[in-house]
Amino acid sequence: MLPKTGRKLPVWKGVLGGRDMLARTIADLLRKEHGDTHRAIKQMMNQTNASERTVKHWLSAQHAPDTLFFLRLMVSSPVIRAFVLGLIEGPASNPLSSASDRPVRAAAREAYAAGEAAFSALTKDVRESDPENGPDRDPKHDTEPVDLNERQHWFLERIVDGDRYGAKEIMAIWEVSLKTARRDIRGLQLAGLLVYSGSRRKGRYRPVR
């Protein structure tokens, strides 16, 4: 054990200056990737073998995953994996960086974008391995591929998971204007991937099956 007397270790001035900052960052990334629905919680439980209470603590930023669960998240989550790589390779890894969380947030946004790209590549590989996409498939009914941006991919995944999301959630999470958020949703509707059902006040967006 270390002696109780003597010189104190200097205060860490690098990236992720405290446990609370790490917990908030991980919670933000997990909510962006999975959402915070019961289905999302079950999915993270299956990926990490953590309890429901533990996963809820991660999503609410009460504490960050411990070492074992964090390593499991790195294996199962392209977003968390990209976040770690972003910290290692980005400017925030400089030990002389400010203790402000701005570099962390910037690295997290870049890491999330990289994670989205990795997830898109993964789903593309799955689609290409689908027998319905094989050489015997009749291409006459195929539609032109739709080029979606990162926000649209994220929003569509949330809707498929059953979340009751709209333009305000895009605004809050992605820090864009209401006009941009509505344009993203309109693009998904025009692409035939999304429909709005129900009344204007109580309706919701649903995926096109």
N, C-alpha and C. Protein backbone atom coordinates (compact mmCIF):
# COMPACT_ATOMS: atom_id res chain seq x y z
N MET A 1 0.84 -1.20 0.00
CA MET A 1 0.00 0.00 0.00
C MET A 1 0.87 1.25 0.00
N LEU A 2 0.36 2.32 -0.60
CA LEU A 2 1.09 3.57 -0.61
C LEU A 2 1.03 4.22 0.77
N PRO A 3 2.10 4.87 1.18
CA PRO A 3 2.07 5.55 2.48
C PRO A 3 1.08 6.70 2.47
N LYS A 4 0.52 7.00 3.65
CA LYS A 4 -0.47 8.06 3.75
C LYS A 4 0.18 9.44 3.77
N THR A 5 1.47 9.48 4.01
CA THR A 5 2.18 10.76 4.05
C THR A 5 3.09 10.86 2.85
N GLY A 6 3.51 12.08 2.56
CA GLY A 6 4.40 12.26 1.43
C GLY A 6 3.77 13.14 0.37
N ARG A 7 4.43 13.24 -0.76
CA ARG A 7 3.97 14.11 -1.83
C ARG A 7 2.73 13.52 -2.50
N LYS A 8 1.81 14.39 -2.84
CA LYS A 8 0.60 13.97 -3.54
C LYS A 8 0.86 13.92 -5.04
N LEU A 9 0.16 13.03 -5.71
CA LEU A 9 0.28 12.97 -7.16
C LEU A 9 -0.33 14.22 -7.76
N PRO A 10 0.25 14.75 -8.84
CA PRO A 10 -0.31 15.95 -9.46
C PRO A 10 -1.69 15.68 -10.06
N VAL A 11 -2.50 16.71 -10.10
CA VAL A 11 -3.84 16.59 -10.67
C VAL A 11 -3.73 16.33 -12.16
N TRP A 12 -4.48 15.33 -12.64
CA TRP A 12 -4.48 15.00 -14.07
C TRP A 12 -5.12 16.12 -14.86
N LYS A 13 -4.41 16.63 -15.88
CA LYS A 13 -4.90 17.74 -16.68
C LYS A 13 -5.18 17.32 -18.12
N GLY A 14 -5.12 16.02 -18.38
CA GLY A 14 -5.37 15.55 -19.74
C GLY A 14 -6.84 15.33 -20.02
N VAL A 15 -7.10 14.54 -21.06
CA VAL A 15 -8.47 14.27 -21.48
C VAL A 15 -9.18 13.41 -20.44
N LEU A 16 -10.51 13.52 -20.37
CA LEU A 16 -11.33 12.77 -19.41
C LEU A 16 -10.83 13.00 -17.98
N GLY A 17 -10.97 14.24 -17.55
CA GLY A 17 -10.42 14.64 -16.27
C GLY A 17 -11.12 14.10 -15.05
N GLY A 18 -12.24 13.40 -15.20
CA GLY A 18 -12.93 12.87 -14.04
C GLY A 18 -13.86 11.74 -14.40
N ARG A 19 -14.28 10.98 -13.39
CA ARG A 19 -15.18 9.85 -13.62
C ARG A 19 -16.53 10.32 -14.16
N ASP A 20 -17.00 11.47 -13.66
CA ASP A 20 -18.29 11.98 -14.12
C ASP A 20 -18.27 12.30 -15.61
N MET A 21 -17.16 12.87 -16.06
CA MET A 21 -17.05 13.21 -17.47
C MET A 21 -17.07 11.95 -18.34
N LEU A 22 -16.36 10.92 -17.90
CA LEU A 22 -16.36 9.65 -18.63
C LEU A 22 -17.76 9.05 -18.65
N ALA A 23 -18.44 9.08 -17.52
CA ALA A 23 -19.79 8.51 -17.44
C ALA A 23 -20.74 9.24 -18.38
N ARG A 24 -20.66 10.57 -18.42
CA ARG A 24 -21.54 11.34 -19.31
C ARG A 24 -21.24 11.05 -20.77
N THR A 25 -19.96 10.93 -21.10
CA THR A 25 -19.57 10.68 -22.48
C THR A 25 -20.04 9.31 -22.95
N ILE A 26 -19.82 8.28 -22.14
CA ILE A 26 -20.24 6.93 -22.50
C ILE A 26 -21.75 6.85 -22.60
N ALA A 27 -22.46 7.49 -21.67
CA ALA A 27 -23.93 7.49 -21.72
C ALA A 27 -24.42 8.14 -23.00
N ASP A 28 -23.80 9.24 -23.39
CA ASP A 28 -24.19 9.94 -24.61
C ASP A 28 -23.99 9.05 -25.84
N LEU A 29 -22.86 8.37 -25.91
CA LEU A 29 -22.57 7.51 -27.06
C LEU A 29 -23.51 6.31 -27.11
N LEU A 30 -23.78 5.70 -25.96
CA LEU A 30 -24.67 4.53 -25.94
C LEU A 30 -26.09 4.91 -26.33
N ARG A 31 -26.55 6.07 -25.86
CA ARG A 31 -27.91 6.51 -26.24
C ARG A 31 -27.99 6.82 -27.72
N LYS A 32 -26.92 7.39 -28.28
CA LYS A 32 -26.92 7.69 -29.71
C LYS A 32 -26.93 6.41 -30.54
N GLU A 33 -26.23 5.40 -30.07
CA GLU A 33 -26.16 4.15 -30.83
C GLU A 33 -27.41 3.29 -30.65
N HIS A 34 -27.87 3.16 -29.42
CA HIS A 34 -28.94 2.22 -29.12
C HIS A 34 -30.28 2.86 -28.76
N GLY A 35 -30.25 4.12 -28.27
CA GLY A 35 -31.45 4.68 -27.68
C GLY A 35 -31.52 4.26 -26.22
N ASP A 36 -32.65 4.57 -25.56
CA ASP A 36 -32.78 4.18 -24.16
C ASP A 36 -34.08 3.41 -23.91
N THR A 37 -34.57 2.72 -24.94
CA THR A 37 -35.78 1.93 -24.79
C THR A 37 -35.48 0.63 -24.04
N HIS A 38 -36.53 -0.05 -23.64
CA HIS A 38 -36.33 -1.33 -22.94
C HIS A 38 -35.66 -2.34 -23.86
N ARG A 39 -36.00 -2.28 -25.15
CA ARG A 39 -35.37 -3.18 -26.11
C ARG A 39 -33.87 -2.91 -26.21
N ALA A 40 -33.50 -1.63 -26.20
CA ALA A 40 -32.09 -1.28 -26.26
C ALA A 40 -31.35 -1.76 -25.02
N ILE A 41 -32.00 -1.63 -23.86
CA ILE A 41 -31.38 -2.10 -22.62
C ILE A 41 -31.15 -3.61 -22.67
N LYS A 42 -32.14 -4.35 -23.16
CA LYS A 42 -32.00 -5.80 -23.28
C LYS A 42 -30.86 -6.16 -24.23
N GLN A 43 -30.73 -5.39 -25.31
CA GLN A 43 -29.67 -5.67 -26.27
C GLN A 43 -28.29 -5.49 -25.63
N MET A 44 -28.12 -4.41 -24.86
CA MET A 44 -26.83 -4.19 -24.20
C MET A 44 -26.58 -5.22 -23.10
N MET A 45 -27.65 -5.69 -22.46
CA MET A 45 -27.49 -6.76 -21.47
C MET A 45 -26.97 -8.02 -22.14
N ASN A 46 -27.50 -8.35 -23.31
CA ASN A 46 -27.06 -9.54 -24.03
C ASN A 46 -25.62 -9.39 -24.53
N GLN A 47 -25.24 -8.18 -24.92
CA GLN A 47 -23.90 -7.95 -25.45
C GLN A 47 -22.83 -8.00 -24.37
N THR A 48 -23.18 -7.61 -23.15
CA THR A 48 -22.17 -7.48 -22.10
C THR A 48 -22.37 -8.41 -20.91
N ASN A 49 -23.54 -9.06 -20.84
CA ASN A 49 -23.90 -9.90 -19.69
C ASN A 49 -24.02 -9.07 -18.40
N ALA A 50 -24.33 -7.79 -18.56
CA ALA A 50 -24.56 -6.92 -17.40
C ALA A 50 -26.02 -7.01 -16.98
N SER A 51 -26.31 -6.62 -15.76
CA SER A 51 -27.68 -6.62 -15.27
C SER A 51 -28.44 -5.41 -15.84
N GLU A 52 -29.76 -5.49 -15.78
CA GLU A 52 -30.58 -4.38 -16.27
C GLU A 52 -30.28 -3.10 -15.48
N ARG A 53 -30.12 -3.24 -14.19
CA ARG A 53 -29.83 -2.08 -13.35
C ARG A 53 -28.51 -1.43 -13.75
N THR A 54 -27.50 -2.26 -14.04
CA THR A 54 -26.20 -1.73 -14.43
C THR A 54 -26.28 -0.96 -15.73
N VAL A 55 -26.97 -1.52 -16.72
CA VAL A 55 -27.10 -0.84 -18.02
C VAL A 55 -27.84 0.48 -17.86
N LYS A 56 -28.88 0.49 -17.04
CA LYS A 56 -29.61 1.74 -16.79
C LYS A 56 -28.71 2.79 -16.14
N HIS A 57 -27.81 2.34 -15.28
CA HIS A 57 -26.86 3.27 -14.67
C HIS A 57 -25.93 3.86 -15.72
N TRP A 58 -25.51 3.05 -16.69
CA TRP A 58 -24.67 3.59 -17.77
C TRP A 58 -25.42 4.65 -18.56
N LEU A 59 -26.65 4.34 -18.94
CA LEU A 59 -27.43 5.25 -19.79
C LEU A 59 -27.78 6.54 -19.07
N SER A 60 -27.90 6.49 -17.76
CA SER A 60 -28.22 7.69 -16.99
C SER A 60 -26.97 8.40 -16.48
N ALA A 61 -25.81 7.90 -16.86
CA ALA A 61 -24.51 8.51 -16.49
C ALA A 61 -24.27 8.50 -14.98
N GLN A 62 -24.88 7.55 -14.28
CA GLN A 62 -24.58 7.43 -12.85
C GLN A 62 -23.16 6.94 -12.63
N HIS A 63 -22.71 6.08 -13.51
CA HIS A 63 -21.31 5.68 -13.50
C HIS A 63 -20.99 5.04 -14.85
N ALA A 64 -19.71 5.03 -15.18
CA ALA A 64 -19.27 4.42 -16.44
C ALA A 64 -19.10 2.91 -16.25
N PRO A 65 -19.08 2.15 -17.34
CA PRO A 65 -18.84 0.71 -17.22
C PRO A 65 -17.46 0.43 -16.60
N ASP A 66 -17.38 -0.60 -15.77
CA ASP A 66 -16.08 -0.96 -15.23
C ASP A 66 -15.24 -1.64 -16.32
N THR A 67 -14.03 -2.02 -15.98
CA THR A 67 -13.08 -2.48 -17.00
C THR A 67 -13.61 -3.65 -17.82
N LEU A 68 -14.17 -4.66 -17.17
CA LEU A 68 -14.64 -5.85 -17.88
C LEU A 68 -15.77 -5.50 -18.84
N PHE A 69 -16.76 -4.76 -18.36
CA PHE A 69 -17.89 -4.40 -19.21
C PHE A 69 -17.46 -3.44 -20.31
N PHE A 70 -16.52 -2.55 -20.00
CA PHE A 70 -16.04 -1.62 -21.02
C PHE A 70 -15.36 -2.37 -22.16
N LEU A 71 -14.57 -3.39 -21.82
CA LEU A 71 -13.92 -4.19 -22.86
C LEU A 71 -14.96 -4.94 -23.69
N ARG A 72 -16.00 -5.44 -23.04
CA ARG A 72 -17.06 -6.12 -23.79
C ARG A 72 -17.79 -5.16 -24.71
N LEU A 73 -17.99 -3.92 -24.26
CA LEU A 73 -18.61 -2.92 -25.12
C LEU A 73 -17.72 -2.59 -26.30
N MET A 74 -16.42 -2.55 -26.08
CA MET A 74 -15.50 -2.28 -27.19
C MET A 74 -15.60 -3.36 -28.26
N VAL A 75 -15.82 -4.59 -27.83
CA VAL A 75 -15.93 -5.70 -28.78
C VAL A 75 -17.27 -5.66 -29.52
N SER A 76 -18.34 -5.33 -28.81
CA SER A 76 -19.68 -5.43 -29.40
C SER A 76 -20.19 -4.14 -30.01
N SER A 77 -19.61 -3.01 -29.65
CA SER A 77 -20.12 -1.71 -30.10
C SER A 77 -19.11 -1.00 -30.99
N PRO A 78 -19.41 -0.82 -32.28
CA PRO A 78 -18.49 -0.07 -33.15
C PRO A 78 -18.35 1.38 -32.72
N VAL A 79 -19.37 1.93 -32.07
CA VAL A 79 -19.30 3.33 -31.63
C VAL A 79 -18.32 3.49 -30.48
N ILE A 80 -18.41 2.63 -29.46
CA ILE A 80 -17.47 2.71 -28.34
C ILE A 80 -16.06 2.41 -28.81
N ARG A 81 -15.92 1.44 -29.70
CA ARG A 81 -14.59 1.11 -30.23
C ARG A 81 -14.00 2.31 -30.97
N ALA A 82 -14.83 2.97 -31.79
CA ALA A 82 -14.35 4.13 -32.54
C ALA A 82 -14.05 5.30 -31.61
N PHE A 83 -14.82 5.41 -30.53
CA PHE A 83 -14.57 6.47 -29.55
C PHE A 83 -13.19 6.32 -28.93
N VAL A 84 -12.85 5.09 -28.55
CA VAL A 84 -11.54 4.85 -27.95
C VAL A 84 -10.43 5.16 -28.96
N LEU A 85 -10.61 4.73 -30.20
CA LEU A 85 -9.61 5.02 -31.22
C LEU A 85 -9.50 6.51 -31.46
N GLY A 86 -10.65 7.21 -31.40
CA GLY A 86 -10.63 8.65 -31.59
C GLY A 86 -9.85 9.35 -30.49
N LEU A 87 -9.96 8.86 -29.26
CA LEU A 87 -9.20 9.44 -28.16
C LEU A 87 -7.71 9.18 -28.32
N ILE A 88 -7.38 7.98 -28.78
CA ILE A 88 -5.97 7.61 -28.92
C ILE A 88 -5.31 8.39 -30.05
N GLU A 89 -6.02 8.51 -31.17
CA GLU A 89 -5.41 9.08 -32.37
C GLU A 89 -5.68 10.57 -32.54
N GLY A 90 -6.66 11.11 -31.80
CA GLY A 90 -7.04 12.50 -31.98
C GLY A 90 -6.18 13.45 -31.17
N PRO A 91 -6.40 14.77 -31.38
CA PRO A 91 -5.63 15.78 -30.65
C PRO A 91 -5.90 15.76 -29.16
N ALA A 92 -7.03 15.21 -28.74
CA ALA A 92 -7.35 15.17 -27.31
C ALA A 92 -6.43 14.25 -26.54
N SER A 93 -5.67 13.40 -27.25
CA SER A 93 -4.75 12.50 -26.56
C SER A 93 -3.49 13.22 -26.10
N ASN A 94 -3.29 14.45 -26.54
CA ASN A 94 -2.13 15.23 -26.14
C ASN A 94 -2.20 15.50 -24.63
N PRO A 95 -1.19 15.12 -23.87
CA PRO A 95 -1.26 15.32 -22.42
C PRO A 95 -1.32 16.78 -22.01
N LEU A 96 -1.00 17.69 -22.92
CA LEU A 96 -1.06 19.11 -22.61
C LEU A 96 -2.41 19.71 -22.93
N SER A 97 -3.37 18.89 -23.35
CA SER A 97 -4.69 19.40 -23.69
C SER A 97 -5.36 20.00 -22.47
N SER A 98 -6.30 20.90 -22.71
CA SER A 98 -7.04 21.53 -21.62
C SER A 98 -7.90 20.50 -20.91
N ALA A 99 -8.16 20.76 -19.65
CA ALA A 99 -9.02 19.86 -18.88
C ALA A 99 -10.48 20.03 -19.26
N SER A 100 -10.77 21.02 -20.11
CA SER A 100 -12.15 21.22 -20.57
C SER A 100 -12.64 19.99 -21.30
N ASP A 101 -13.95 19.78 -21.29
CA ASP A 101 -14.49 18.61 -21.97
C ASP A 101 -14.73 18.86 -23.44
N ARG A 102 -14.37 20.03 -23.95
CA ARG A 102 -14.57 20.28 -25.38
C ARG A 102 -13.83 19.29 -26.26
N PRO A 103 -12.54 19.02 -26.00
CA PRO A 103 -11.86 18.02 -26.84
C PRO A 103 -12.53 16.66 -26.75
N VAL A 104 -13.06 16.33 -25.57
CA VAL A 104 -13.71 15.04 -25.41
C VAL A 104 -14.96 14.98 -26.27
N ARG A 105 -15.75 16.06 -26.23
CA ARG A 105 -16.97 16.08 -27.02
C ARG A 105 -16.66 16.04 -28.51
N ALA A 106 -15.63 16.78 -28.92
CA ALA A 106 -15.26 16.77 -30.33
C ALA A 106 -14.80 15.38 -30.75
N ALA A 107 -13.98 14.75 -29.92
CA ALA A 107 -13.52 13.40 -30.22
C ALA A 107 -14.68 12.42 -30.24
N ALA A 108 -15.63 12.62 -29.34
CA ALA A 108 -16.79 11.73 -29.28
C ALA A 108 -17.63 11.85 -30.54
N ARG A 109 -17.82 13.09 -31.01
CA ARG A 109 -18.61 13.27 -32.24
C ARG A 109 -17.92 12.61 -33.42
N GLU A 110 -16.59 12.81 -33.52
CA GLU A 110 -15.85 12.18 -34.61
C GLU A 110 -15.90 10.66 -34.48
N ALA A 111 -15.78 10.18 -33.25
CA ALA A 111 -15.81 8.74 -33.03
C ALA A 111 -17.18 8.16 -33.37
N TYR A 112 -18.22 8.90 -33.03
CA TYR A 112 -19.55 8.40 -33.34
C TYR A 112 -19.74 8.32 -34.85
N ALA A 113 -19.24 9.33 -35.58
CA ALA A 113 -19.34 9.30 -37.04
C ALA A 113 -18.60 8.08 -37.60
N ALA A 114 -17.43 7.80 -37.03
CA ALA A 114 -16.68 6.62 -37.47
C ALA A 114 -17.44 5.34 -37.12
N GLY A 115 -18.07 5.33 -35.95
CA GLY A 115 -18.85 4.17 -35.56
C GLY A 115 -20.04 3.95 -36.46
N GLU A 116 -20.70 5.06 -36.84
CA GLU A 116 -21.82 4.96 -37.77
C GLU A 116 -21.36 4.36 -39.10
N ALA A 117 -20.20 4.83 -39.58
CA ALA A 117 -19.68 4.30 -40.84
C ALA A 117 -19.38 2.81 -40.73
N ALA A 118 -18.81 2.41 -39.58
CA ALA A 118 -18.51 0.99 -39.37
C ALA A 118 -19.79 0.18 -39.32
N PHE A 119 -20.80 0.72 -38.65
CA PHE A 119 -22.08 0.01 -38.55
C PHE A 119 -22.73 -0.11 -39.92
N SER A 120 -22.66 0.97 -40.74
CA SER A 120 -23.23 0.93 -42.08
C SER A 120 -22.53 -0.11 -42.94
N ALA A 121 -21.20 -0.19 -42.79
CA ALA A 121 -20.46 -1.20 -43.55
C ALA A 121 -20.84 -2.61 -43.11
N LEU A 122 -21.07 -2.77 -41.80
CA LEU A 122 -21.47 -4.08 -41.28
C LEU A 122 -22.83 -4.49 -41.83
N THR A 123 -23.80 -3.58 -41.81
CA THR A 123 -25.13 -3.91 -42.31
C THR A 123 -25.10 -4.14 -43.82
N LYS A 124 -24.20 -3.45 -44.51
CA LYS A 124 -24.06 -3.66 -45.95
C LYS A 124 -23.58 -5.08 -46.23
N ASP A 125 -22.60 -5.55 -45.44
CA ASP A 125 -22.11 -6.91 -45.62
C ASP A 125 -23.21 -7.93 -45.37
N VAL A 126 -24.06 -7.65 -44.36
CA VAL A 126 -25.16 -8.56 -44.06
C VAL A 126 -26.15 -8.61 -45.22
N ARG A 127 -26.47 -7.43 -45.77
CA ARG A 127 -27.41 -7.38 -46.90
C ARG A 127 -26.85 -8.12 -48.11
N GLU A 128 -25.55 -7.96 -48.36
CA GLU A 128 -24.96 -8.60 -49.53
C GLU A 128 -24.91 -10.12 -49.39
N SER A 129 -24.86 -10.60 -48.14
CA SER A 129 -24.84 -12.05 -47.92
C SER A 129 -26.24 -12.65 -47.87
N ASP A 130 -27.27 -11.81 -47.94
CA ASP A 130 -28.65 -12.28 -47.92
C ASP A 130 -28.96 -13.00 -49.23
N PRO A 131 -29.57 -14.20 -49.18
CA PRO A 131 -29.91 -14.92 -50.42
C PRO A 131 -30.79 -14.11 -51.36
N GLU A 132 -31.61 -13.21 -50.82
CA GLU A 132 -32.47 -12.41 -51.68
C GLU A 132 -31.68 -11.43 -52.52
N ASN A 133 -30.43 -11.19 -52.15
CA ASN A 133 -29.58 -10.29 -52.92
C ASN A 133 -28.61 -11.06 -53.81
N GLY A 134 -28.81 -12.35 -53.93
CA GLY A 134 -27.91 -13.20 -54.70
C GLY A 134 -28.09 -13.04 -56.20
N PRO A 135 -27.30 -13.79 -56.99
CA PRO A 135 -27.34 -13.66 -58.45
C PRO A 135 -28.64 -14.13 -59.07
N ASP A 136 -29.41 -14.96 -58.36
CA ASP A 136 -30.67 -15.45 -58.92
C ASP A 136 -31.84 -14.49 -58.68
N ARG A 137 -31.58 -13.39 -58.01
CA ARG A 137 -32.65 -12.45 -57.73
C ARG A 137 -32.98 -11.65 -58.98
N ASP A 138 -34.27 -11.47 -59.24
CA ASP A 138 -34.73 -10.69 -60.38
C ASP A 138 -34.56 -9.21 -60.05
N PRO A 139 -33.70 -8.48 -60.78
CA PRO A 139 -33.42 -7.10 -60.42
C PRO A 139 -34.44 -6.09 -60.93
N LYS A 140 -35.45 -6.52 -61.65
CA LYS A 140 -36.35 -5.56 -62.28
C LYS A 140 -37.17 -4.77 -61.26
N HIS A 141 -37.34 -5.34 -60.06
CA HIS A 141 -38.12 -4.64 -59.04
C HIS A 141 -37.24 -3.87 -58.07
N ASP A 142 -35.93 -3.91 -58.29
CA ASP A 142 -35.03 -3.22 -57.38
C ASP A 142 -35.14 -1.71 -57.56
N THR A 143 -35.00 -0.98 -56.47
CA THR A 143 -35.01 0.47 -56.53
C THR A 143 -33.59 1.01 -56.42
N GLU A 144 -33.41 2.26 -56.77
CA GLU A 144 -32.10 2.87 -56.68
C GLU A 144 -31.69 3.00 -55.20
N PRO A 145 -30.44 2.73 -54.88
CA PRO A 145 -30.01 2.87 -53.50
C PRO A 145 -30.12 4.31 -53.03
N VAL A 146 -30.47 4.48 -51.77
CA VAL A 146 -30.64 5.81 -51.21
C VAL A 146 -29.41 6.17 -50.39
N ASP A 147 -28.85 7.34 -50.64
CA ASP A 147 -27.67 7.78 -49.91
C ASP A 147 -28.12 8.60 -48.71
N LEU A 148 -28.11 7.99 -47.53
CA LEU A 148 -28.57 8.66 -46.32
C LEU A 148 -27.39 9.23 -45.54
N ASN A 149 -27.63 10.35 -44.87
CA ASN A 149 -26.58 10.89 -44.02
C ASN A 149 -26.60 10.20 -42.65
N GLU A 150 -25.64 10.55 -41.81
CA GLU A 150 -25.50 9.88 -40.51
C GLU A 150 -26.73 10.09 -39.63
N ARG A 151 -27.28 11.31 -39.66
CA ARG A 151 -28.46 11.59 -38.84
C ARG A 151 -29.64 10.75 -39.28
N GLN A 152 -29.80 10.59 -40.60
CA GLN A 152 -30.92 9.81 -41.11
C GLN A 152 -30.77 8.33 -40.76
N HIS A 153 -29.55 7.80 -40.86
CA HIS A 153 -29.31 6.42 -40.45
C HIS A 153 -29.69 6.24 -38.98
N TRP A 154 -29.23 7.16 -38.14
CA TRP A 154 -29.50 7.07 -36.70
C TRP A 154 -31.00 7.15 -36.42
N PHE A 155 -31.68 8.11 -37.06
CA PHE A 155 -33.11 8.31 -36.81
C PHE A 155 -33.90 7.08 -37.26
N LEU A 156 -33.57 6.55 -38.43
CA LEU A 156 -34.29 5.39 -38.94
C LEU A 156 -34.11 4.18 -38.01
N GLU A 157 -32.90 4.00 -37.49
CA GLU A 157 -32.65 2.89 -36.57
C GLU A 157 -33.48 3.04 -35.29
N ARG A 158 -33.60 4.27 -34.81
CA ARG A 158 -34.41 4.51 -33.61
C ARG A 158 -35.88 4.19 -33.87
N ILE A 159 -36.38 4.56 -35.04
CA ILE A 159 -37.78 4.30 -35.38
C ILE A 159 -38.01 2.79 -35.52
N VAL A 160 -37.08 2.10 -36.16
CA VAL A 160 -37.20 0.64 -36.30
C VAL A 160 -37.23 -0.02 -34.93
N ASP A 161 -36.48 0.53 -33.98
CA ASP A 161 -36.45 -0.01 -32.61
C ASP A 161 -37.72 0.30 -31.83
N GLY A 162 -38.60 1.11 -32.42
CA GLY A 162 -39.86 1.42 -31.75
C GLY A 162 -39.88 2.70 -30.96
N ASP A 163 -38.84 3.52 -31.08
CA ASP A 163 -38.81 4.78 -30.34
C ASP A 163 -39.77 5.79 -30.95
N ARG A 164 -40.33 6.62 -30.11
CA ARG A 164 -41.26 7.66 -30.55
C ARG A 164 -40.47 8.96 -30.74
N TYR A 165 -39.69 9.00 -31.77
CA TYR A 165 -38.80 10.13 -32.02
C TYR A 165 -39.35 11.02 -33.13
N GLY A 166 -38.90 12.27 -33.13
CA GLY A 166 -39.29 13.22 -34.16
C GLY A 166 -38.16 14.20 -34.41
N ALA A 167 -38.50 15.33 -35.04
CA ALA A 167 -37.49 16.31 -35.40
C ALA A 167 -36.78 16.89 -34.18
N LYS A 168 -37.50 17.04 -33.06
CA LYS A 168 -36.89 17.63 -31.86
C LYS A 168 -35.75 16.78 -31.32
N GLU A 169 -35.89 15.46 -31.43
CA GLU A 169 -34.81 14.59 -30.95
C GLU A 169 -33.57 14.72 -31.83
N ILE A 170 -33.77 14.87 -33.14
CA ILE A 170 -32.63 15.09 -34.03
C ILE A 170 -31.95 16.40 -33.67
N MET A 171 -32.75 17.44 -33.42
CA MET A 171 -32.19 18.74 -33.03
C MET A 171 -31.35 18.63 -31.76
N ALA A 172 -31.90 17.96 -30.75
CA ALA A 172 -31.25 17.92 -29.44
C ALA A 172 -29.96 17.10 -29.46
N ILE A 173 -29.99 15.96 -30.12
CA ILE A 173 -28.85 15.05 -30.08
C ILE A 173 -27.76 15.45 -31.07
N TRP A 174 -28.17 15.91 -32.25
CA TRP A 174 -27.20 16.23 -33.30
C TRP A 174 -26.88 17.72 -33.38
N GLU A 175 -27.57 18.54 -32.57
CA GLU A 175 -27.30 19.98 -32.51
C GLU A 175 -27.43 20.63 -33.88
N VAL A 176 -28.57 20.40 -34.52
CA VAL A 176 -28.87 21.02 -35.81
C VAL A 176 -30.17 21.80 -35.67
N SER A 177 -30.49 22.59 -36.70
CA SER A 177 -31.71 23.40 -36.66
C SER A 177 -32.94 22.54 -36.91
N LEU A 178 -34.10 23.09 -36.56
CA LEU A 178 -35.36 22.39 -36.79
C LEU A 178 -35.57 22.16 -38.29
N LYS A 179 -35.16 23.13 -39.09
CA LYS A 179 -35.31 23.01 -40.54
C LYS A 179 -34.50 21.82 -41.07
N THR A 180 -33.27 21.68 -40.59
CA THR A 180 -32.43 20.56 -41.01
C THR A 180 -33.01 19.23 -40.56
N ALA A 181 -33.50 19.19 -39.32
CA ALA A 181 -34.09 17.95 -38.80
C ALA A 181 -35.30 17.53 -39.62
N ARG A 182 -36.15 18.49 -39.93
CA ARG A 182 -37.33 18.17 -40.73
C ARG A 182 -36.95 17.74 -42.15
N ARG A 183 -35.90 18.34 -42.69
CA ARG A 183 -35.44 17.95 -44.02
C ARG A 183 -34.91 16.52 -44.02
N ASP A 184 -34.23 16.14 -42.95
CA ASP A 184 -33.76 14.75 -42.83
C ASP A 184 -34.93 13.77 -42.84
N ILE A 185 -35.96 14.09 -42.05
CA ILE A 185 -37.12 13.20 -41.97
C ILE A 185 -37.86 13.17 -43.30
N ARG A 186 -37.99 14.32 -43.93
CA ARG A 186 -38.67 14.37 -45.23
C ARG A 186 -37.93 13.53 -46.26
N GLY A 187 -36.60 13.55 -46.20
CA GLY A 187 -35.82 12.74 -47.13
C GLY A 187 -36.08 11.25 -46.95
N LEU A 188 -36.23 10.82 -45.70
CA LEU A 188 -36.55 9.41 -45.43
C LEU A 188 -37.94 9.05 -45.95
N GLN A 189 -38.87 10.00 -45.84
CA GLN A 189 -40.22 9.75 -46.34
C GLN A 189 -40.23 9.65 -47.87
N LEU A 190 -39.51 10.56 -48.52
CA LEU A 190 -39.46 10.55 -49.98
C LEU A 190 -38.75 9.29 -50.50
N ALA A 191 -37.83 8.75 -49.69
CA ALA A 191 -37.12 7.53 -50.08
C ALA A 191 -37.96 6.28 -49.84
N GLY A 192 -39.15 6.46 -49.26
CA GLY A 192 -40.01 5.31 -49.01
C GLY A 192 -39.59 4.48 -47.82
N LEU A 193 -38.82 5.07 -46.90
CA LEU A 193 -38.33 4.33 -45.75
C LEU A 193 -39.11 4.63 -44.48
N LEU A 194 -39.92 5.68 -44.52
CA LEU A 194 -40.57 6.16 -43.31
C LEU A 194 -41.95 6.71 -43.65
N VAL A 195 -42.91 6.48 -42.77
CA VAL A 195 -44.26 7.06 -42.93
C VAL A 195 -44.69 7.63 -41.58
N TYR A 196 -45.61 8.58 -41.64
CA TYR A 196 -46.18 9.15 -40.42
C TYR A 196 -47.62 8.68 -40.32
N SER A 197 -47.96 8.05 -39.21
CA SER A 197 -49.31 7.53 -39.04
C SER A 197 -49.93 8.13 -37.79
N GLY A 198 -51.25 8.34 -37.85
CA GLY A 198 -51.95 8.90 -36.71
C GLY A 198 -52.19 10.38 -36.86
N SER A 199 -52.74 10.98 -35.81
CA SER A 199 -53.05 12.41 -35.84
C SER A 199 -51.77 13.23 -35.74
N ARG A 200 -51.92 14.53 -36.00
CA ARG A 200 -50.75 15.40 -35.97
C ARG A 200 -50.14 15.49 -34.57
N ARG A 201 -50.99 15.47 -33.56
CA ARG A 201 -50.51 15.61 -32.18
C ARG A 201 -50.06 14.28 -31.57
N LYS A 202 -50.78 13.22 -31.86
CA LYS A 202 -50.51 11.94 -31.20
C LYS A 202 -49.95 10.87 -32.14
N GLY A 203 -49.73 11.24 -33.39
CA GLY A 203 -49.19 10.27 -34.34
C GLY A 203 -47.70 10.03 -34.13
N ARG A 204 -47.14 9.16 -34.94
CA ARG A 204 -45.73 8.83 -34.82
C ARG A 204 -45.19 8.35 -36.16
N TYR A 205 -43.87 8.38 -36.29
CA TYR A 205 -43.22 7.87 -37.49
C TYR A 205 -43.05 6.36 -37.35
N ARG A 206 -43.25 5.68 -38.47
CA ARG A 206 -43.10 4.22 -38.50
C ARG A 206 -42.28 3.83 -39.72
N PRO A 207 -41.48 2.76 -39.59
CA PRO A 207 -40.68 2.31 -40.74
C PRO A 207 -41.56 1.61 -41.76
N VAL A 208 -41.17 1.68 -43.00
CA VAL A 208 -41.86 0.96 -44.07
C VAL A 208 -41.27 -0.43 -44.14
N ARG A 209 -42.08 -1.43 -43.91
CA ARG A 209 -41.59 -2.82 -43.89
C ARG A 209 -41.38 -3.34 -45.31
